[in-house]
């Protein structure tokens, strides 16, 4: 209960910072402010992780651990989109005050995901003798038994995390996006604290670090889950509330969300490989350094607009179309301000990189300018994506994402390699493909709003 009280105290504190407007708008602002603070704290924690873990285990094992976490990150898709499907369906149920439906959705998500986890871990347990993890991670042969034991527990806790972190989409559906961010931050902070204490002892081991890192988020999620359902007993999962139809509705939507996530991962993960192929591995660094700097603008913008997802759902299903239009208009003004900031930053990025990296990395103006344009293009359609995501219009956007992903690699190879444009050609392709969203998503938004207005008019 202390976590819940701490969160509510944070909301009350922000509420006194001269925020005004309807309750829904106030909730969005409070979540955005708290999420921004948590983002800063989370980045600090991640920076502290590196020296603390290296102090506890040697650099070789730390490198292997980074490889393990990267490897496991691909399995984040294994929940089959149930988390995303739950959030979207729950948005509607809560907006319509359909508590019975909400309980059914939550119960179906928990019990179906538990079944999936049990099935996957059982398979892994029996095939693990056949897996040589030291070869998978290119580790020394003497680490074979150590890695086998570590992976048994890491996989187990990684799978269990899927189940316990369902509390995050539930919080988001309750318009508490900051709480979801807070949960992730607490998990990282707990892991950092425990590993730091471990580093002060002579018996620190790779196994202990892996165990702490894997189990810390589960401890936080389990406590937060118990607190949530202590305050929301009417939503407590039960086997009797399980429904195959509810599961099917979440999976139908979840598969679309999953397909979108896969497309994004392919898009991101293939870029560095394409740059190495088009030019040389050395050119990956200038691209990534510059992209990381401009991503800061997008990250801040994303944090500010993410609380709009459940707010848009609430307004849409309650028929408050005026509020949606007003917010979209205001966010577009904010977008213009951010775009101007990005344009002005173009002239600062090059000298900043030179000072920051002590002249070891030089980035051409062409790459800086094109990455800035790419960032601006992504910002132009971001708020419309939040609206469509919130009201459940995911199929249309996912189809476009899949199409652009299919076109991405062939176009990059055509323009970047055969036209000898290199990274410039890659960035031109990214911009052109993203431009489709600039026109398509606002059109979908407008079409959706008009259809909803007609539905409301027919009821009256």
Protein backbone atom coordinates (compact mmCIF):
# COMPACT_ATOMS: atom_id res chain seq x y z
CA UNK A 1 0.00 0.00 0.00
CA UNK A 2 2.98 2.29 0.49
CA UNK A 3 3.66 2.24 -3.28
CA UNK A 4 0.08 3.30 -4.02
CA UNK A 5 0.20 6.08 -1.40
CA UNK A 6 3.56 7.28 -2.74
CA UNK A 7 2.19 7.46 -6.27
CA UNK A 8 -0.96 9.32 -5.19
CA UNK A 9 1.15 11.74 -3.14
CA UNK A 10 3.18 12.45 -6.26
CA UNK A 11 0.02 13.16 -8.24
CA UNK A 12 -1.27 15.49 -5.53
CA UNK A 13 2.04 17.34 -5.47
CA UNK A 14 1.96 17.90 -9.23
CA UNK A 15 -1.69 18.94 -9.00
CA UNK A 16 -0.69 22.07 -7.08
CA UNK A 17 1.67 23.28 -9.81
CA UNK A 18 -0.99 25.64 -11.24
CA UNK A 19 -2.50 22.98 -13.50
CA UNK A 20 -5.98 23.71 -14.74
CA UNK A 21 -8.66 22.20 -16.96
CA UNK A 22 -10.98 19.23 -16.82
CA UNK A 23 -10.08 16.17 -14.78
CA UNK A 24 -9.05 14.22 -17.87
CA UNK A 25 -6.66 16.98 -19.01
CA UNK A 26 -5.29 17.32 -15.49
CA UNK A 27 -4.61 13.58 -15.34
CA UNK A 28 -2.73 13.68 -18.65
CA UNK A 29 -0.56 16.58 -17.45
CA UNK A 30 0.24 14.96 -14.11
CA UNK A 31 1.21 11.67 -15.73
CA UNK A 32 3.38 13.46 -18.29
CA UNK A 33 5.25 15.46 -15.63
CA UNK A 34 5.85 12.46 -13.40
CA UNK A 35 6.94 10.30 -16.35
CA UNK A 36 9.44 12.97 -17.39
CA UNK A 37 11.00 13.01 -13.92
CA UNK A 38 11.11 9.22 -13.85
CA UNK A 39 12.76 9.17 -17.28
CA UNK A 40 15.62 11.31 -15.97
CA UNK A 41 16.00 9.13 -12.87
CA UNK A 42 15.87 5.93 -14.95
CA UNK A 43 18.65 7.17 -17.23
CA UNK A 44 20.79 7.98 -14.19
CA UNK A 45 20.19 4.47 -12.82
CA UNK A 46 21.18 2.90 -16.16
CA UNK A 47 24.40 4.92 -16.21
CA UNK A 48 25.24 3.80 -12.67
CA UNK A 49 24.57 0.16 -13.55
CA UNK A 50 27.69 -0.14 -15.71
CA UNK A 51 30.41 0.60 -13.12
CA UNK A 52 28.50 -1.16 -10.32
CA UNK A 53 28.10 -4.42 -12.26
CA UNK A 54 31.67 -4.35 -13.55
CA UNK A 55 32.88 -3.93 -9.96
CA UNK A 56 30.89 -7.02 -9.03
CA UNK A 57 31.92 -9.21 -11.99
CA UNK A 58 34.77 -8.87 -14.48
CA UNK A 59 34.37 -7.12 -17.87
CA UNK A 60 34.21 -10.45 -19.72
CA UNK A 61 31.21 -11.66 -17.74
CA UNK A 62 29.62 -8.22 -17.99
CA UNK A 63 29.91 -8.40 -21.77
CA UNK A 64 28.34 -11.86 -21.73
CA UNK A 65 25.53 -10.53 -19.51
CA UNK A 66 24.83 -7.70 -21.96
CA UNK A 67 24.65 -10.30 -24.74
CA UNK A 68 22.23 -12.41 -22.68
CA UNK A 69 19.91 -9.45 -22.03
CA UNK A 70 20.00 -8.47 -25.71
CA UNK A 71 19.23 -12.06 -26.69
CA UNK A 72 16.29 -12.26 -24.28
CA UNK A 73 14.89 -8.91 -25.42
CA UNK A 74 13.65 -10.58 -28.60
CA UNK A 75 11.44 -12.80 -26.47
CA UNK A 76 9.53 -9.75 -25.25
CA UNK A 77 7.24 -10.54 -28.15
CA UNK A 78 6.33 -13.92 -26.70
CA UNK A 79 3.21 -12.74 -24.85
CA UNK A 80 1.53 -12.75 -28.29
CA UNK A 81 0.43 -9.16 -27.76
CA UNK A 82 -1.83 -10.08 -24.83
CA UNK A 83 -0.56 -7.12 -22.80
CA UNK A 84 -1.26 -4.65 -25.59
CA UNK A 85 -4.61 -6.26 -26.37
CA UNK A 86 -5.59 -6.14 -22.69
CA UNK A 87 -4.74 -2.44 -22.44
CA UNK A 88 -6.79 -1.46 -25.48
CA UNK A 89 -9.84 -3.61 -24.65
CA UNK A 90 -9.68 -2.53 -21.01
CA UNK A 91 -9.61 1.12 -22.10
CA UNK A 92 -13.03 0.68 -23.64
CA UNK A 93 -14.50 -1.39 -20.80
CA UNK A 94 -13.46 1.15 -18.17
CA UNK A 95 -14.61 4.11 -20.25
CA UNK A 96 -18.04 2.48 -20.54
CA UNK A 97 -17.95 1.52 -16.83
CA UNK A 98 -18.38 -2.15 -17.75
CA UNK A 99 -16.78 -3.64 -14.63
CA UNK A 100 -17.85 -7.19 -15.43
CA UNK A 101 -16.17 -7.00 -18.82
CA UNK A 102 -13.05 -5.46 -17.27
CA UNK A 103 -12.76 -8.31 -14.75
CA UNK A 104 -13.24 -10.88 -17.53
CA UNK A 105 -10.49 -9.30 -19.63
CA UNK A 106 -8.04 -9.15 -16.72
CA UNK A 107 -8.79 -12.74 -15.62
CA UNK A 108 -8.47 -14.07 -19.17
CA UNK A 109 -5.14 -12.28 -19.67
CA UNK A 110 -3.60 -13.59 -16.45
CA UNK A 111 -4.67 -17.22 -16.79
CA UNK A 112 -3.88 -17.50 -20.50
CA UNK A 113 -0.43 -15.96 -20.06
CA UNK A 114 0.25 -18.25 -17.09
CA UNK A 115 -0.57 -21.24 -19.30
CA UNK A 116 1.75 -20.00 -22.05
CA UNK A 117 4.60 -19.46 -19.56
CA UNK A 118 4.16 -22.92 -18.03
CA UNK A 119 4.17 -24.52 -21.48
CA UNK A 120 7.27 -22.65 -22.71
CA UNK A 121 9.31 -23.23 -19.55
CA UNK A 122 8.45 -26.95 -19.56
CA UNK A 123 9.75 -27.23 -23.12
CA UNK A 124 12.90 -25.27 -22.25
CA UNK A 125 13.56 -27.39 -19.14
CA UNK A 126 13.65 -30.59 -21.20
CA UNK A 127 15.67 -29.24 -24.14
CA UNK A 128 18.22 -27.26 -22.09
CA UNK A 129 20.74 -30.17 -22.00
CA UNK A 130 20.94 -29.85 -25.79
CA UNK A 131 21.77 -26.11 -25.72
CA UNK A 132 25.42 -25.04 -25.48
CA UNK A 133 25.05 -21.53 -24.13
CA UNK A 134 28.79 -20.92 -24.11
CA UNK A 135 28.73 -21.32 -27.90
CA UNK A 136 25.62 -19.19 -28.30
CA UNK A 137 27.26 -16.32 -26.40
CA UNK A 138 30.81 -17.10 -27.58
CA UNK A 139 31.93 -17.55 -23.96
CA UNK A 140 34.96 -19.52 -22.71
CA UNK A 141 34.40 -23.30 -22.55
CA UNK A 142 34.97 -23.35 -18.77
CA UNK A 143 31.78 -21.28 -18.34
CA UNK A 144 29.56 -24.05 -19.77
CA UNK A 145 28.12 -25.27 -16.47
CA UNK A 146 27.93 -21.76 -15.00
CA UNK A 147 25.93 -20.46 -17.96
CA UNK A 148 23.65 -23.50 -17.95
CA UNK A 149 22.62 -22.82 -14.33
CA UNK A 150 22.33 -19.08 -14.88
CA UNK A 151 20.14 -19.47 -17.96
CA UNK A 152 17.79 -21.86 -16.15
CA UNK A 153 16.92 -19.23 -13.56
CA UNK A 154 17.14 -16.24 -15.91
CA UNK A 155 14.70 -17.83 -18.38
CA UNK A 156 12.34 -18.80 -15.53
CA UNK A 157 12.23 -15.31 -14.02
CA UNK A 158 12.16 -13.67 -17.44
CA UNK A 159 9.02 -15.68 -18.28
CA UNK A 160 7.41 -14.93 -14.92
CA UNK A 161 8.01 -11.25 -15.54
CA UNK A 162 5.55 -11.44 -18.46
CA UNK A 163 2.85 -12.46 -16.01
CA UNK A 164 3.58 -9.98 -13.23
CA UNK A 165 4.10 -6.99 -15.53
CA UNK A 166 0.49 -7.25 -16.75
CA UNK A 167 -0.14 -4.70 -14.01
CA UNK A 168 1.46 -2.10 -16.31
CA UNK A 169 -1.18 -2.20 -19.10
CA UNK A 170 -3.84 -2.35 -16.37
CA UNK A 171 -2.47 0.86 -14.85
CA UNK A 172 -2.26 2.50 -18.28
CA UNK A 173 -5.91 1.60 -18.95
CA UNK A 174 -6.74 3.31 -15.64
CA UNK A 175 -5.05 6.49 -16.94
CA UNK A 176 -2.03 5.91 -14.72
CA UNK A 177 0.73 5.74 -17.31
CA UNK A 178 3.19 7.27 -14.83
CA UNK A 179 2.59 4.36 -12.48
CA UNK A 180 3.71 1.92 -15.18
CA UNK A 181 6.91 3.96 -15.63
CA UNK A 182 7.33 4.11 -11.85
CA UNK A 183 7.11 0.30 -11.61
CA UNK A 184 9.91 -0.15 -14.16
CA UNK A 185 12.04 2.45 -12.38
CA UNK A 186 11.60 0.76 -8.99
CA UNK A 187 12.63 -2.59 -10.47
CA UNK A 188 15.83 -1.10 -11.88
CA UNK A 189 16.54 0.81 -8.66
CA UNK A 190 16.10 -2.31 -6.53
CA UNK A 191 18.43 -4.30 -8.79
CA UNK A 192 21.05 -1.53 -8.70
CA UNK A 193 20.91 -1.29 -4.90
CA UNK A 194 21.22 -5.04 -4.34
CA UNK A 195 24.03 -5.46 -6.88
CA UNK A 196 25.87 -2.52 -5.29
CA UNK A 197 25.66 -4.21 -1.88
CA UNK A 198 26.83 -7.44 -3.50
CA UNK A 199 29.84 -5.67 -5.05
CA UNK A 200 31.02 -4.73 -1.56
CA UNK A 201 31.31 -8.40 -0.62
CA UNK A 202 34.09 -10.73 -1.65
CA UNK A 203 31.69 -13.49 -2.73
CA UNK A 204 30.03 -11.54 -5.54
CA UNK A 205 29.35 -13.85 -8.49
CA UNK A 206 27.95 -13.83 -12.00
CA UNK A 207 25.08 -16.05 -10.84
CA UNK A 208 24.12 -13.65 -8.03
CA UNK A 209 24.16 -10.64 -10.37
CA UNK A 210 21.99 -12.44 -12.92
CA UNK A 211 19.61 -13.62 -10.20
CA UNK A 212 19.24 -10.14 -8.66
CA UNK A 213 18.78 -8.47 -12.04
CA UNK A 214 16.12 -11.01 -13.07
CA UNK A 215 14.13 -11.24 -9.85
CA UNK A 216 14.10 -7.54 -8.80
CA UNK A 217 11.42 -6.45 -11.31
CA UNK A 218 9.25 -9.42 -10.30
CA UNK A 219 9.46 -8.40 -6.63
CA UNK A 220 8.31 -4.87 -7.50
CA UNK A 221 5.58 -5.99 -9.91
CA UNK A 222 4.22 -8.53 -7.44
CA UNK A 223 4.01 -5.97 -4.62
CA UNK A 224 2.42 -3.35 -6.87
CA UNK A 225 -0.04 -5.97 -8.17
CA UNK A 226 -1.11 -6.91 -4.64
CA UNK A 227 -1.55 -3.23 -3.75
CA UNK A 228 -3.62 -2.57 -6.87
CA UNK A 229 -6.01 -5.46 -6.35
CA UNK A 230 -6.29 -4.67 -2.64
CA UNK A 231 -7.86 -1.36 -3.77
CA UNK A 232 -9.70 -2.91 -6.74
CA UNK A 233 -11.08 -6.19 -5.40
CA UNK A 234 -13.88 -6.07 -7.96
CA UNK A 235 -11.24 -6.63 -10.68
CA UNK A 236 -9.34 -9.42 -8.90
CA UNK A 237 -8.65 -12.24 -11.42
CA UNK A 238 -10.61 -15.45 -10.95
CA UNK A 239 -10.84 -18.67 -12.96
CA UNK A 240 -14.63 -18.36 -13.10
CA UNK A 241 -14.26 -15.03 -14.93
CA UNK A 242 -12.03 -16.53 -17.64
CA UNK A 243 -13.54 -16.24 -21.11
CA UNK A 244 -12.29 -17.66 -24.40
CA UNK A 245 -14.13 -14.96 -26.31
CA UNK A 246 -12.38 -12.27 -24.25
CA UNK A 247 -9.04 -13.95 -24.87
CA UNK A 248 -9.80 -14.13 -28.58
CA UNK A 249 -10.67 -10.43 -28.73
CA UNK A 250 -7.38 -9.56 -27.00
CA UNK A 251 -5.37 -11.90 -29.23
CA UNK A 252 -6.98 -10.56 -32.41
CA UNK A 253 -5.88 -7.07 -31.40
CA UNK A 254 -2.69 -8.36 -29.78
CA UNK A 255 -1.46 -10.03 -32.96
CA UNK A 256 -1.75 -6.69 -34.75
CA UNK A 257 0.22 -4.99 -31.98
CA UNK A 258 2.74 -7.86 -32.11
CA UNK A 259 3.11 -7.50 -35.87
CA UNK A 260 3.70 -3.78 -35.43
CA UNK A 261 6.36 -4.43 -32.76
CA UNK A 262 8.11 -7.00 -34.95
CA UNK A 263 8.16 -4.54 -37.84
CA UNK A 264 9.68 -1.83 -35.67
CA UNK A 265 12.34 -4.21 -34.31
CA UNK A 266 13.27 -5.35 -37.82
CA UNK A 267 13.41 -1.72 -38.96
CA UNK A 268 15.70 -0.71 -36.08
CA UNK A 269 17.90 -3.81 -35.89
CA UNK A 270 18.56 -3.93 -39.64
CA UNK A 271 19.73 -0.33 -39.92
CA UNK A 272 23.20 -0.81 -38.40
CA UNK A 273 23.74 -3.92 -40.53
CA UNK A 274 22.69 -2.04 -43.66
CA UNK A 275 25.06 0.84 -42.88
CA UNK A 276 27.95 -1.60 -42.40
CA UNK A 277 27.08 -3.23 -45.72
CA UNK A 278 26.62 0.01 -47.63
CA UNK A 279 29.72 1.75 -46.32
CA UNK A 280 31.77 0.34 -43.45
CA UNK A 281 31.28 -0.55 -39.77
CA UNK A 282 33.03 2.71 -38.83
CA UNK A 283 30.12 4.68 -40.30
CA UNK A 284 27.66 3.11 -37.86
CA UNK A 285 29.04 5.30 -35.06
CA UNK A 286 28.32 8.74 -36.63
CA UNK A 287 24.80 7.64 -37.52
CA UNK A 288 24.04 6.25 -34.05
CA UNK A 289 25.59 9.16 -32.16
CA UNK A 290 23.59 11.71 -34.14
CA UNK A 291 20.40 9.68 -34.02
CA UNK A 292 20.76 9.32 -30.24
CA UNK A 293 20.95 13.10 -29.80
CA UNK A 294 17.89 13.83 -31.93
CA UNK A 295 16.04 10.93 -30.30
CA UNK A 296 16.10 12.98 -27.08
CA UNK A 297 13.57 15.35 -28.65
CA UNK A 298 11.34 12.46 -29.65
CA UNK A 299 11.68 10.74 -26.25
CA UNK A 300 10.58 13.86 -24.36
CA UNK A 301 7.70 14.35 -26.79
CA UNK A 302 6.73 10.68 -26.44
CA UNK A 303 6.62 10.94 -22.65
CA UNK A 304 4.43 14.03 -22.85
CA UNK A 305 1.94 12.42 -25.24
CA UNK A 306 1.83 8.81 -24.01
CA UNK A 307 -0.74 9.58 -21.24
CA UNK A 308 -3.08 10.65 -24.05
CA UNK A 309 -3.64 7.02 -25.11
CA UNK A 310 -6.07 6.09 -22.29
CA UNK A 311 -7.40 9.67 -22.20
CA UNK A 312 -8.36 9.53 -25.88
CA UNK A 313 -10.07 6.17 -25.28
CA UNK A 314 -11.99 7.57 -22.32
CA UNK A 315 -13.14 10.63 -24.28
CA UNK A 316 -13.98 8.67 -27.44
CA UNK A 317 -16.17 6.05 -25.79
CA UNK A 318 -17.85 8.67 -23.59
CA UNK A 319 -18.59 10.78 -26.64
CA UNK A 320 -16.44 13.77 -25.66
CA UNK A 321 -15.30 14.51 -29.21
CA UNK A 322 -14.84 18.22 -28.46
CA UNK A 323 -12.12 17.40 -25.90
CA UNK A 324 -10.29 15.18 -28.41
CA UNK A 325 -10.28 17.88 -31.08
CA UNK A 326 -9.10 20.50 -28.60
CA UNK A 327 -6.23 18.33 -27.36
CA UNK A 328 -5.13 17.39 -30.87
CA UNK A 329 -5.06 21.08 -31.78
CA UNK A 330 -3.01 21.99 -28.68
CA UNK A 331 -0.57 19.13 -29.21
CA UNK A 332 -0.06 20.24 -32.80
CA UNK A 333 1.02 23.65 -31.48
CA UNK A 334 3.49 21.90 -29.17
CA UNK A 335 4.72 19.87 -32.15
CA UNK A 336 5.46 23.08 -34.06
CA UNK A 337 7.50 24.36 -31.10
CA UNK A 338 9.49 21.12 -30.92
CA UNK A 339 10.08 21.19 -34.70
CA UNK A 340 11.51 24.71 -34.43
CA UNK A 341 13.78 23.53 -31.59
CA UNK A 342 15.05 20.66 -33.74
CA UNK A 343 15.78 22.98 -36.65
CA UNK A 344 17.75 25.34 -34.39
CA UNK A 345 19.65 22.42 -32.84
CA UNK A 346 21.02 21.39 -36.25
CA UNK A 347 23.60 24.15 -36.00
CA UNK A 348 24.71 23.04 -32.51
CA UNK A 349 24.91 19.27 -32.96
CA UNK A 350 28.10 19.12 -35.02
CA UNK A 351 30.28 21.22 -32.66
CA UNK A 352 28.71 19.46 -29.65
CA UNK A 353 29.64 16.00 -31.01
CA UNK A 354 33.17 17.25 -31.72
CA UNK A 355 33.59 18.43 -28.11
CA UNK A 356 31.69 15.52 -26.56
CA UNK A 357 33.69 12.81 -28.33
CA UNK A 358 36.96 14.81 -28.36
CA UNK A 359 37.11 14.95 -32.15
CA UNK A 360 37.17 11.16 -32.53
CA UNK A 361 33.89 11.14 -34.45
CA UNK A 362 33.00 13.63 -37.17
CA UNK A 363 29.49 13.73 -38.60
CA UNK A 364 28.78 15.30 -42.02
CA UNK A 365 26.17 18.08 -42.20
CA UNK A 366 24.17 15.96 -44.64
CA UNK A 367 23.64 13.21 -42.05
CA UNK A 368 22.78 15.72 -39.31
CA UNK A 369 20.24 17.49 -41.50
CA UNK A 370 18.58 14.31 -42.75
CA UNK A 371 18.30 12.80 -39.26
CA UNK A 372 16.74 16.07 -38.08
CA UNK A 373 14.20 15.88 -40.93
CA UNK A 374 13.46 12.23 -40.12
CA UNK A 375 12.83 13.15 -36.46
CA UNK A 376 10.52 15.99 -37.49
CA UNK A 377 8.54 13.70 -39.80
CA UNK A 378 8.02 11.18 -36.96
CA UNK A 379 6.77 13.96 -34.68
CA UNK A 380 4.20 15.19 -37.21
CA UNK A 381 2.09 12.03 -37.01
CA UNK A 382 2.85 10.91 -33.46
CA UNK A 383 -0.24 12.33 -31.72
CA UNK A 384 -2.55 10.80 -34.35
CA UNK A 385 -0.91 7.43 -33.70
CA UNK A 386 -1.69 7.86 -29.98
CA UNK A 387 -5.34 8.57 -30.77
CA UNK A 388 -5.73 5.59 -33.11
CA UNK A 389 -3.95 3.33 -30.62
CA UNK A 390 -6.19 4.49 -27.79
CA UNK A 391 -9.50 3.92 -29.60
CA UNK A 392 -8.38 0.54 -30.98
CA UNK A 393 -7.90 1.44 -34.66
CA UNK A 394 -4.69 -0.57 -34.92
CA UNK A 395 -5.32 -2.76 -37.96
CA UNK A 396 -5.05 0.12 -40.44
CA UNK A 397 -1.83 1.52 -38.96
CA UNK A 398 -0.24 -1.92 -38.63
CA UNK A 399 -0.82 -2.70 -42.30
CA UNK A 400 1.03 0.48 -43.27
CA UNK A 401 3.88 -0.31 -40.85
CA UNK A 402 4.29 -3.82 -42.27
CA UNK A 403 4.29 -2.48 -45.84
CA UNK A 404 6.96 0.13 -45.07
CA UNK A 405 9.09 -2.51 -43.31
CA UNK A 406 8.89 -4.83 -46.34
CA UNK A 407 9.92 -1.96 -48.63
CA UNK A 408 12.66 -0.63 -46.34
CA UNK A 409 15.56 -3.01 -46.97
CA UNK A 410 15.10 -3.35 -50.78
CA UNK A 411 14.82 0.44 -51.20
CA UNK A 412 17.87 1.09 -49.02
CA UNK A 413 19.91 -1.39 -51.05
CA UNK A 414 18.64 0.13 -54.30
CA UNK A 415 19.21 3.77 -53.41
CA UNK A 416 22.08 3.39 -50.96
CA UNK A 417 24.16 0.79 -52.76
CA UNK A 418 23.36 0.84 -56.45
CA UNK A 419 22.97 4.63 -56.56
CA UNK A 420 26.03 4.96 -54.30
CA UNK A 421 24.33 7.28 -51.79
CA UNK A 422 25.32 5.27 -48.70
CA UNK A 423 23.92 6.54 -45.39
CA UNK A 424 22.36 9.51 -47.17
CA UNK A 425 20.33 7.11 -49.31
CA UNK A 426 19.30 5.12 -46.21
CA UNK A 427 18.05 8.27 -44.47
CA UNK A 428 16.19 9.42 -47.60
CA UNK A 429 14.36 6.06 -47.64
CA UNK A 430 13.50 6.40 -43.93
CA UNK A 431 12.08 9.88 -44.51
CA UNK A 432 10.09 8.94 -47.61
CA UNK A 433 8.55 5.85 -45.97
CA UNK A 434 7.68 7.80 -42.82
CA UNK A 435 5.98 10.50 -44.89
CA UNK A 436 3.16 8.07 -45.61
CA UNK A 437 2.10 8.33 -41.97
CA UNK A 438 2.06 12.14 -42.14
CA UNK A 439 -0.89 11.99 -44.55
CA UNK A 440 -2.46 8.62 -43.73
CA UNK A 441 -2.81 8.83 -39.93
CA UNK A 442 -4.46 12.30 -39.83
CA UNK A 443 -6.87 11.06 -42.51
CA UNK A 444 -7.72 8.00 -40.38
CA UNK A 445 -8.20 10.27 -37.37
CA UNK A 446 -10.54 12.59 -39.26
CA UNK A 447 -12.50 9.64 -40.66
CA UNK A 448 -12.83 8.10 -37.19
CA UNK A 449 -14.01 11.35 -35.59
CA UNK A 450 -16.65 11.94 -38.26
CA UNK A 451 -17.94 8.38 -37.90
CA UNK A 452 -18.16 8.75 -34.12
CA UNK A 453 -19.97 12.09 -34.43
CA UNK A 454 -22.51 10.48 -36.75
CA UNK A 455 -23.02 7.61 -34.27
CA UNK A 456 -23.60 10.06 -31.42
CA UNK A 457 -25.98 12.15 -33.53
CA UNK A 458 -28.03 9.07 -34.39
CA UNK A 459 -28.41 8.24 -30.68
CA UNK A 460 -29.73 11.73 -29.99
